[in-house]
Structure formats: C-alpha cells, structure tokens
Amino acid sequence: MHTPSLEPVFRARLDFGDGPRVRFAPAKKSFTRGFVAVIGGEMSGPRLSGRVVPFSGGDWPRIWDSGLIEFEAHYMLEAEDGTPIYIHNRGIAWSNPGVLARVEAGESVDPSETYCHITPRFEAPEGPHEWLNRTIFVGVAERRGVSTFFDYYAVV
C-alpha cells in the first residue's frame, strides 16, 4: 500500500477584523459557542490563487475551558479566474488555558504555544477547479491578531 504524502496547494489569509466576536455559553453545555464573520482575505499558491469573498461566512467555534477549540467554518473563495468555491473548514486548536485567554484577547502568540490543524472540504463547479471536490486536504493555521493564516496541502 502506498504511503500518502502532502503536496502544497495554497496559503490563505482570512481577515476577521476588530468587530464583535460573539461568545455565549449554551444552556446545559460545557463549552462556549463563538462566532466571528470573515470580512475578507486572499489566497495564493501553486495550485490555487484568488480571494476570500468578504462577509461570505465565518467561524462557529466551540471553546472548552481545557484550552481546546473545535472549529467549524463556512465561507466562499473566488479563484483568480472568477470561479466561486465553497469551503467547509473543520479542525482543532489546543493551547494551555493561559495562552487561550491571550488568543481570545486578540494577542498574537508564538506558534509553538498552540496546536492548530484543519481538514477542509471544498465544493467547486465543473471546470478547472473541480479537482478540489475529489481531493482530501489537511492544513495548519496560525492566528496573528485579527487575521488567521492557513497552509493547505493535498493528500496524494
């Protein structure tokens, strides 16, 4: 059996801005629900370049007191050729609770203080980007102030 490897696809910057980040504790749940809107961004790389469509979605994380964050993000990308691409980005981040408090306060932290990996799925129309529909991807992410940077890799 073949051992998979990773092929770089693109790097993205998602901008969340200084606007409000919703945080609330759902009744009878042990986590905090969040929401933050994506206000824009860009992507570039060897297989995909373009932009993040402003206000096309956001992230709905579940934040646990232990320092674990479960990401659930939906938003739209637009390839350089104008092709619309939907992304459903799931993943987890972990840092000790003190670091998590700094991240929640909007501070940039050293990447070595956090673990953040994602498993995105894409939906693209028929044409030059339909390969996104039939490929498994993994990625890493790093928050820097009001933006988050992602590196996406195809599993080949």
N, C-alpha and C. Protein backbone atom coordinates (compact mmCIF):
# COMPACT_ATOMS: atom_id res chain seq x y z
N MET A 1 0.85 -1.18 0.00
CA MET A 1 0.00 0.00 0.00
C MET A 1 0.90 1.24 0.00
N HIS A 2 0.49 2.23 -0.71
CA HIS A 2 1.24 3.48 -0.85
C HIS A 2 1.08 4.36 0.39
N THR A 3 2.18 4.97 0.83
CA THR A 3 2.15 5.90 1.95
C THR A 3 1.85 7.30 1.42
N PRO A 4 0.80 7.93 1.93
CA PRO A 4 0.45 9.26 1.42
C PRO A 4 1.54 10.29 1.71
N SER A 5 1.57 11.30 0.87
CA SER A 5 2.44 12.44 1.11
C SER A 5 1.59 13.71 0.93
N LEU A 6 2.18 14.84 1.26
CA LEU A 6 1.46 16.11 1.19
C LEU A 6 2.04 16.99 0.09
N GLU A 7 1.15 17.59 -0.69
CA GLU A 7 1.54 18.50 -1.76
C GLU A 7 1.00 19.89 -1.43
N PRO A 8 1.85 20.91 -1.34
CA PRO A 8 1.35 22.27 -1.06
C PRO A 8 0.37 22.72 -2.15
N VAL A 9 -0.74 23.30 -1.72
CA VAL A 9 -1.77 23.76 -2.66
C VAL A 9 -1.88 25.28 -2.66
N PHE A 10 -2.08 25.87 -1.46
CA PHE A 10 -2.14 27.33 -1.37
C PHE A 10 -2.04 27.77 0.08
N ARG A 11 -1.73 29.03 0.25
CA ARG A 11 -1.71 29.70 1.55
C ARG A 11 -2.82 30.75 1.52
N ALA A 12 -3.54 30.85 2.63
CA ALA A 12 -4.63 31.82 2.71
C ALA A 12 -4.48 32.69 3.95
N ARG A 13 -4.94 33.92 3.81
CA ARG A 13 -5.06 34.83 4.95
C ARG A 13 -6.53 35.20 5.06
N LEU A 14 -7.12 34.90 6.20
CA LEU A 14 -8.50 35.28 6.47
C LEU A 14 -8.49 36.44 7.44
N ASP A 15 -9.21 37.49 7.09
CA ASP A 15 -9.30 38.66 7.94
C ASP A 15 -10.64 38.64 8.67
N PHE A 16 -10.58 38.82 9.99
CA PHE A 16 -11.78 38.82 10.81
C PHE A 16 -12.09 40.20 11.35
N GLY A 17 -11.16 41.13 11.27
CA GLY A 17 -11.41 42.50 11.70
C GLY A 17 -11.53 42.65 13.20
N ASP A 18 -11.76 43.90 13.60
CA ASP A 18 -11.88 44.23 15.02
C ASP A 18 -13.30 44.12 15.52
N GLY A 19 -14.22 43.77 14.64
CA GLY A 19 -15.63 43.73 15.00
C GLY A 19 -15.92 42.74 16.11
N PRO A 20 -17.16 42.68 16.50
CA PRO A 20 -17.53 41.83 17.64
C PRO A 20 -17.32 40.35 17.35
N ARG A 21 -16.88 39.65 18.39
CA ARG A 21 -16.79 38.20 18.37
C ARG A 21 -17.84 37.73 19.37
N VAL A 22 -18.81 37.00 18.88
CA VAL A 22 -19.89 36.52 19.73
C VAL A 22 -19.36 35.37 20.58
N ARG A 23 -19.67 35.39 21.86
CA ARG A 23 -19.32 34.32 22.79
C ARG A 23 -20.50 34.14 23.74
N PHE A 24 -20.99 32.90 23.89
CA PHE A 24 -22.03 32.63 24.86
C PHE A 24 -21.96 31.17 25.28
N ALA A 25 -22.47 30.89 26.46
CA ALA A 25 -22.50 29.52 27.00
C ALA A 25 -23.89 28.95 26.76
N PRO A 26 -24.03 27.97 25.83
CA PRO A 26 -25.34 27.37 25.61
C PRO A 26 -25.84 26.65 26.88
N ALA A 27 -27.12 26.72 27.11
CA ALA A 27 -27.71 26.06 28.29
C ALA A 27 -27.38 24.58 28.30
N LYS A 28 -27.01 24.08 29.48
CA LYS A 28 -26.74 22.66 29.70
C LYS A 28 -25.56 22.13 28.88
N LYS A 29 -24.65 23.00 28.44
CA LYS A 29 -23.47 22.59 27.68
C LYS A 29 -22.23 22.99 28.47
N SER A 30 -21.12 22.32 28.20
CA SER A 30 -19.88 22.59 28.93
C SER A 30 -18.87 23.38 28.11
N PHE A 31 -19.32 24.01 27.05
CA PHE A 31 -18.42 24.79 26.21
C PHE A 31 -19.00 26.17 25.96
N THR A 32 -18.18 27.04 25.40
CA THR A 32 -18.62 28.36 24.97
C THR A 32 -18.74 28.34 23.46
N ARG A 33 -19.86 28.81 22.94
CA ARG A 33 -20.05 28.91 21.49
C ARG A 33 -19.57 30.27 21.04
N GLY A 34 -18.93 30.31 19.91
CA GLY A 34 -18.46 31.57 19.37
C GLY A 34 -18.93 31.77 17.95
N PHE A 35 -18.80 32.98 17.47
CA PHE A 35 -18.99 33.30 16.06
C PHE A 35 -18.14 34.51 15.74
N VAL A 36 -17.50 34.46 14.58
CA VAL A 36 -16.80 35.61 14.05
C VAL A 36 -16.95 35.58 12.53
N ALA A 37 -17.29 36.72 11.94
CA ALA A 37 -17.51 36.82 10.50
C ALA A 37 -16.18 37.01 9.77
N VAL A 38 -16.07 36.40 8.62
CA VAL A 38 -14.91 36.60 7.75
C VAL A 38 -15.18 37.87 6.95
N ILE A 39 -14.30 38.86 7.05
CA ILE A 39 -14.52 40.10 6.32
C ILE A 39 -13.73 40.18 5.02
N GLY A 40 -12.87 39.19 4.76
CA GLY A 40 -12.11 39.16 3.51
C GLY A 40 -10.83 38.38 3.67
N GLY A 41 -9.97 38.51 2.68
CA GLY A 41 -8.68 37.84 2.71
C GLY A 41 -8.23 37.49 1.31
N GLU A 42 -7.13 36.76 1.25
CA GLU A 42 -6.59 36.37 -0.06
C GLU A 42 -5.93 35.01 0.05
N MET A 43 -5.73 34.40 -1.11
CA MET A 43 -5.05 33.11 -1.16
C MET A 43 -4.13 33.08 -2.37
N SER A 44 -3.01 32.40 -2.21
CA SER A 44 -2.08 32.27 -3.33
C SER A 44 -1.29 30.98 -3.14
N GLY A 45 -0.94 30.38 -4.26
CA GLY A 45 -0.17 29.16 -4.19
C GLY A 45 0.02 28.51 -5.53
N PRO A 46 0.68 27.37 -5.52
CA PRO A 46 0.99 26.71 -6.78
C PRO A 46 -0.23 26.13 -7.51
N ARG A 47 -1.33 25.86 -6.79
CA ARG A 47 -2.49 25.25 -7.45
C ARG A 47 -3.76 26.06 -7.35
N LEU A 48 -3.77 27.11 -6.50
CA LEU A 48 -4.98 27.91 -6.36
C LEU A 48 -4.61 29.29 -5.83
N SER A 49 -5.14 30.32 -6.48
CA SER A 49 -4.95 31.70 -6.04
C SER A 49 -6.27 32.44 -6.22
N GLY A 50 -6.46 33.48 -5.43
CA GLY A 50 -7.67 34.27 -5.53
C GLY A 50 -7.92 35.05 -4.26
N ARG A 51 -9.19 35.14 -3.88
CA ARG A 51 -9.55 35.92 -2.71
C ARG A 51 -10.60 35.21 -1.87
N VAL A 52 -10.70 35.65 -0.63
CA VAL A 52 -11.79 35.22 0.26
C VAL A 52 -12.91 36.23 0.05
N VAL A 53 -14.09 35.75 -0.27
CA VAL A 53 -15.22 36.65 -0.54
C VAL A 53 -15.64 37.31 0.78
N PRO A 54 -15.60 38.66 0.82
CA PRO A 54 -15.95 39.37 2.05
C PRO A 54 -17.36 39.04 2.53
N PHE A 55 -17.50 38.84 3.83
CA PHE A 55 -18.77 38.62 4.52
C PHE A 55 -19.56 37.43 3.96
N SER A 56 -18.84 36.42 3.46
CA SER A 56 -19.50 35.25 2.88
C SER A 56 -19.69 34.13 3.89
N GLY A 57 -19.30 34.35 5.13
CA GLY A 57 -19.45 33.32 6.15
C GLY A 57 -18.63 33.65 7.37
N GLY A 58 -18.27 32.61 8.10
CA GLY A 58 -17.49 32.82 9.30
C GLY A 58 -17.18 31.52 10.00
N ASP A 59 -16.73 31.65 11.22
CA ASP A 59 -16.33 30.50 12.03
C ASP A 59 -17.23 30.44 13.26
N TRP A 60 -17.69 29.23 13.58
CA TRP A 60 -18.54 28.97 14.73
C TRP A 60 -17.80 28.02 15.67
N PRO A 61 -16.80 28.48 16.40
CA PRO A 61 -16.02 27.56 17.24
C PRO A 61 -16.76 27.16 18.52
N ARG A 62 -16.39 25.98 19.02
CA ARG A 62 -16.75 25.56 20.37
C ARG A 62 -15.47 25.66 21.18
N ILE A 63 -15.51 26.42 22.26
CA ILE A 63 -14.33 26.72 23.06
C ILE A 63 -14.49 26.06 24.42
N TRP A 64 -13.54 25.22 24.78
CA TRP A 64 -13.58 24.47 26.03
C TRP A 64 -12.60 25.07 27.02
N ASP A 65 -12.93 25.03 28.31
CA ASP A 65 -12.07 25.57 29.36
C ASP A 65 -10.69 24.91 29.38
N SER A 66 -10.59 23.70 28.87
CA SER A 66 -9.33 22.95 28.87
C SER A 66 -8.29 23.55 27.93
N GLY A 67 -8.72 24.47 27.04
CA GLY A 67 -7.82 25.03 26.04
C GLY A 67 -8.07 24.51 24.64
N LEU A 68 -9.04 23.60 24.50
CA LEU A 68 -9.39 23.03 23.20
C LEU A 68 -10.40 23.93 22.49
N ILE A 69 -10.19 24.13 21.19
CA ILE A 69 -11.15 24.83 20.35
C ILE A 69 -11.46 23.93 19.17
N GLU A 70 -12.75 23.71 18.92
CA GLU A 70 -13.19 22.96 17.75
C GLU A 70 -13.73 23.97 16.73
N PHE A 71 -13.11 24.01 15.56
CA PHE A 71 -13.50 24.96 14.53
C PHE A 71 -14.56 24.36 13.61
N GLU A 72 -15.46 25.20 13.18
CA GLU A 72 -16.48 24.84 12.19
C GLU A 72 -16.72 26.11 11.39
N ALA A 73 -16.06 26.21 10.24
CA ALA A 73 -16.11 27.44 9.45
C ALA A 73 -16.67 27.16 8.05
N HIS A 74 -17.47 28.10 7.56
CA HIS A 74 -18.04 28.03 6.21
C HIS A 74 -17.85 29.42 5.60
N TYR A 75 -17.34 29.46 4.38
CA TYR A 75 -17.24 30.73 3.67
C TYR A 75 -16.94 30.45 2.20
N MET A 76 -16.86 31.50 1.42
CA MET A 76 -16.65 31.37 -0.02
C MET A 76 -15.29 31.93 -0.43
N LEU A 77 -14.70 31.24 -1.40
CA LEU A 77 -13.48 31.70 -2.05
C LEU A 77 -13.84 32.05 -3.49
N GLU A 78 -13.02 32.88 -4.10
CA GLU A 78 -13.16 33.17 -5.53
C GLU A 78 -11.78 33.02 -6.16
N ALA A 79 -11.65 32.05 -7.06
CA ALA A 79 -10.37 31.82 -7.75
C ALA A 79 -10.06 33.01 -8.65
N GLU A 80 -8.80 33.13 -9.04
CA GLU A 80 -8.38 34.24 -9.92
C GLU A 80 -9.22 34.33 -11.19
N ASP A 81 -9.69 33.19 -11.69
CA ASP A 81 -10.49 33.19 -12.92
C ASP A 81 -11.97 33.48 -12.66
N GLY A 82 -12.33 33.80 -11.40
CA GLY A 82 -13.71 34.14 -11.06
C GLY A 82 -14.55 32.97 -10.59
N THR A 83 -14.00 31.77 -10.57
CA THR A 83 -14.76 30.59 -10.13
C THR A 83 -15.10 30.69 -8.64
N PRO A 84 -16.40 30.53 -8.28
CA PRO A 84 -16.76 30.50 -6.86
C PRO A 84 -16.44 29.12 -6.28
N ILE A 85 -15.90 29.10 -5.07
CA ILE A 85 -15.54 27.86 -4.40
C ILE A 85 -16.00 27.96 -2.95
N TYR A 86 -16.80 26.99 -2.53
CA TYR A 86 -17.25 26.92 -1.14
C TYR A 86 -16.25 26.10 -0.35
N ILE A 87 -15.97 26.53 0.88
CA ILE A 87 -15.09 25.78 1.77
C ILE A 87 -15.81 25.55 3.10
N HIS A 88 -15.72 24.31 3.57
CA HIS A 88 -16.19 23.94 4.90
C HIS A 88 -14.93 23.50 5.64
N ASN A 89 -14.49 24.30 6.56
CA ASN A 89 -13.21 24.10 7.23
C ASN A 89 -13.46 23.65 8.66
N ARG A 90 -13.02 22.44 8.99
CA ARG A 90 -13.14 21.93 10.35
C ARG A 90 -11.75 21.68 10.89
N GLY A 91 -11.60 21.77 12.19
CA GLY A 91 -10.30 21.48 12.78
C GLY A 91 -10.31 21.68 14.27
N ILE A 92 -9.13 21.52 14.84
CA ILE A 92 -8.99 21.74 16.27
C ILE A 92 -7.73 22.56 16.55
N ALA A 93 -7.81 23.29 17.63
CA ALA A 93 -6.65 24.01 18.16
C ALA A 93 -6.58 23.70 19.63
N TRP A 94 -5.39 23.65 20.13
CA TRP A 94 -5.21 23.45 21.56
C TRP A 94 -4.04 24.28 22.02
N SER A 95 -4.22 24.89 23.17
CA SER A 95 -3.13 25.57 23.87
C SER A 95 -3.52 25.54 25.35
N ASN A 96 -2.56 25.79 26.22
CA ASN A 96 -2.94 25.78 27.63
C ASN A 96 -3.91 26.95 27.87
N PRO A 97 -4.73 26.88 28.89
CA PRO A 97 -5.77 27.89 29.11
C PRO A 97 -5.24 29.32 29.19
N GLY A 98 -4.03 29.52 29.71
CA GLY A 98 -3.46 30.86 29.76
C GLY A 98 -3.18 31.42 28.38
N VAL A 99 -2.65 30.59 27.50
CA VAL A 99 -2.40 31.01 26.11
C VAL A 99 -3.73 31.25 25.41
N LEU A 100 -4.70 30.37 25.63
CA LEU A 100 -6.02 30.55 25.02
C LEU A 100 -6.63 31.89 25.43
N ALA A 101 -6.48 32.28 26.67
CA ALA A 101 -7.01 33.57 27.13
C ALA A 101 -6.34 34.72 26.37
N ARG A 102 -5.06 34.61 26.11
CA ARG A 102 -4.35 35.65 25.34
C ARG A 102 -4.84 35.69 23.90
N VAL A 103 -5.06 34.51 23.30
CA VAL A 103 -5.58 34.45 21.93
C VAL A 103 -6.97 35.08 21.89
N GLU A 104 -7.82 34.73 22.84
CA GLU A 104 -9.17 35.29 22.89
C GLU A 104 -9.15 36.81 23.08
N ALA A 105 -8.11 37.33 23.73
CA ALA A 105 -7.97 38.78 23.92
C ALA A 105 -7.43 39.47 22.67
N GLY A 106 -7.14 38.66 21.61
CA GLY A 106 -6.66 39.24 20.36
C GLY A 106 -5.15 39.36 20.27
N GLU A 107 -4.43 38.81 21.23
CA GLU A 107 -2.97 38.88 21.19
C GLU A 107 -2.41 37.84 20.22
N SER A 108 -1.29 38.15 19.60
CA SER A 108 -0.56 37.17 18.82
C SER A 108 0.29 36.36 19.78
N VAL A 109 0.33 35.06 19.58
CA VAL A 109 1.14 34.20 20.43
C VAL A 109 2.13 33.45 19.56
N ASP A 110 3.19 32.98 20.16
CA ASP A 110 4.19 32.19 19.44
C ASP A 110 3.54 30.91 18.93
N PRO A 111 3.73 30.57 17.65
CA PRO A 111 3.10 29.36 17.10
C PRO A 111 3.44 28.09 17.87
N SER A 112 4.58 28.05 18.52
CA SER A 112 4.95 26.86 19.28
C SER A 112 4.06 26.66 20.52
N GLU A 113 3.29 27.69 20.88
CA GLU A 113 2.41 27.60 22.05
C GLU A 113 1.03 27.01 21.73
N THR A 114 0.77 26.75 20.45
CA THR A 114 -0.54 26.25 20.06
C THR A 114 -0.40 25.10 19.06
N TYR A 115 -1.43 24.30 18.99
CA TYR A 115 -1.58 23.25 18.00
C TYR A 115 -2.84 23.60 17.23
N CYS A 116 -2.75 23.75 15.91
CA CYS A 116 -3.93 24.10 15.14
C CYS A 116 -3.86 23.42 13.77
N HIS A 117 -4.72 22.41 13.58
CA HIS A 117 -4.76 21.67 12.33
C HIS A 117 -6.20 21.60 11.82
N ILE A 118 -6.34 21.57 10.49
CA ILE A 118 -7.65 21.66 9.87
C ILE A 118 -7.82 20.59 8.80
N THR A 119 -9.08 20.27 8.51
CA THR A 119 -9.42 19.32 7.45
C THR A 119 -10.53 19.95 6.60
N PRO A 120 -10.17 20.73 5.60
CA PRO A 120 -11.18 21.40 4.79
C PRO A 120 -11.77 20.48 3.72
N ARG A 121 -12.99 20.79 3.32
CA ARG A 121 -13.63 20.17 2.16
C ARG A 121 -14.09 21.32 1.27
N PHE A 122 -13.97 21.11 -0.02
CA PHE A 122 -14.30 22.14 -0.99
C PHE A 122 -15.44 21.68 -1.89
N GLU A 123 -16.19 22.66 -2.41
CA GLU A 123 -17.18 22.43 -3.46
C GLU A 123 -16.91 23.44 -4.55
N ALA A 124 -16.59 22.94 -5.74
CA ALA A 124 -16.30 23.79 -6.89
C ALA A 124 -17.12 23.30 -8.07
N PRO A 125 -17.51 24.21 -8.97
CA PRO A 125 -18.28 23.79 -10.14
C PRO A 125 -17.40 23.03 -11.14
N GLU A 126 -18.07 22.42 -12.10
CA GLU A 126 -17.35 21.73 -13.17
C GLU A 126 -16.41 22.71 -13.84
N GLY A 127 -15.21 22.26 -14.16
CA GLY A 127 -14.24 23.13 -14.80
C GLY A 127 -12.86 22.94 -14.20
N PRO A 128 -12.02 23.98 -14.28
CA PRO A 128 -10.62 23.83 -13.90
C PRO A 128 -10.36 23.59 -12.40
N HIS A 129 -11.35 23.83 -11.56
CA HIS A 129 -11.14 23.66 -10.12
C HIS A 129 -11.93 22.49 -9.52
N GLU A 130 -12.57 21.67 -10.38
CA GLU A 130 -13.38 20.57 -9.85
C GLU A 130 -12.54 19.51 -9.14
N TRP A 131 -11.24 19.49 -9.35
CA TRP A 131 -10.35 18.56 -8.65
C TRP A 131 -10.43 18.76 -7.14
N LEU A 132 -10.80 19.96 -6.69
CA LEU A 132 -10.95 20.23 -5.27
C LEU A 132 -12.02 19.33 -4.63
N ASN A 133 -13.05 18.97 -5.42
CA ASN A 133 -14.15 18.15 -4.91
C ASN A 133 -13.73 16.72 -4.61
N ARG A 134 -12.69 16.23 -5.25
CA ARG A 134 -12.32 14.82 -5.13
C ARG A 134 -10.94 14.62 -4.52
N THR A 135 -10.51 15.60 -3.74
CA THR A 135 -9.20 15.53 -3.10
C THR A 135 -9.37 15.74 -1.59
N ILE A 136 -8.60 14.99 -0.81
CA ILE A 136 -8.56 15.19 0.64
C ILE A 136 -7.46 16.19 0.95
N PHE A 137 -7.75 17.11 1.85
CA PHE A 137 -6.80 18.15 2.23
C PHE A 137 -6.59 18.15 3.74
N VAL A 138 -5.43 18.61 4.15
CA VAL A 138 -5.15 18.91 5.55
C VAL A 138 -4.45 20.26 5.56
N GLY A 139 -4.41 20.87 6.72
CA GLY A 139 -3.74 22.15 6.80
C GLY A 139 -3.36 22.51 8.22
N VAL A 140 -2.60 23.57 8.29
CA VAL A 140 -2.20 24.14 9.57
C VAL A 140 -2.62 25.60 9.57
N ALA A 141 -2.84 26.13 10.76
CA ALA A 141 -3.30 27.51 10.87
C ALA A 141 -2.58 28.20 12.01
N GLU A 142 -2.50 29.51 11.88
CA GLU A 142 -1.85 30.33 12.91
C GLU A 142 -2.56 31.68 12.95
N ARG A 143 -3.05 32.04 14.13
CA ARG A 143 -3.71 33.34 14.28
C ARG A 143 -2.68 34.40 14.57
N ARG A 144 -2.82 35.52 13.86
CA ARG A 144 -1.96 36.68 14.07
C ARG A 144 -2.85 37.90 14.17
N GLY A 145 -3.14 38.31 15.39
CA GLY A 145 -4.02 39.47 15.60
C GLY A 145 -5.41 39.19 15.08
N VAL A 146 -5.92 40.02 14.14
CA VAL A 146 -7.27 39.87 13.61
C VAL A 146 -7.30 39.02 12.34
N SER A 147 -6.18 38.42 11.96
CA SER A 147 -6.13 37.55 10.79
C SER A 147 -5.65 36.17 11.20
N THR A 148 -6.04 35.18 10.40
CA THR A 148 -5.55 33.82 10.58
C THR A 148 -4.95 33.38 9.26
N PHE A 149 -3.79 32.76 9.33
CA PHE A 149 -3.08 32.28 8.15
C PHE A 149 -3.19 30.76 8.09
N PHE A 150 -3.46 30.24 6.90
CA PHE A 150 -3.63 28.81 6.69
C PHE A 150 -2.70 28.34 5.58
N ASP A 151 -2.09 27.19 5.76
CA ASP A 151 -1.37 26.50 4.70
C ASP A 151 -2.14 25.22 4.42
N TYR A 152 -2.55 25.03 3.16
CA TYR A 152 -3.34 23.87 2.75
C TYR A 152 -2.49 22.92 1.92
N TYR A 153 -2.67 21.62 2.19
CA TYR A 153 -1.93 20.57 1.50
C TYR A 153 -2.90 19.51 0.99
N ALA A 154 -2.68 19.05 -0.25
CA ALA A 154 -3.42 17.91 -0.78
C ALA A 154 -2.75 16.64 -0.31
N VAL A 155 -3.54 15.67 0.09
CA VAL A 155 -3.01 14.35 0.45
C VAL A 155 -2.93 13.55 -0.86
N VAL A 156 -1.72 13.17 -1.24
CA VAL A 156 -1.51 12.46 -2.51
C VAL A 156 -0.86 11.11 -2.28
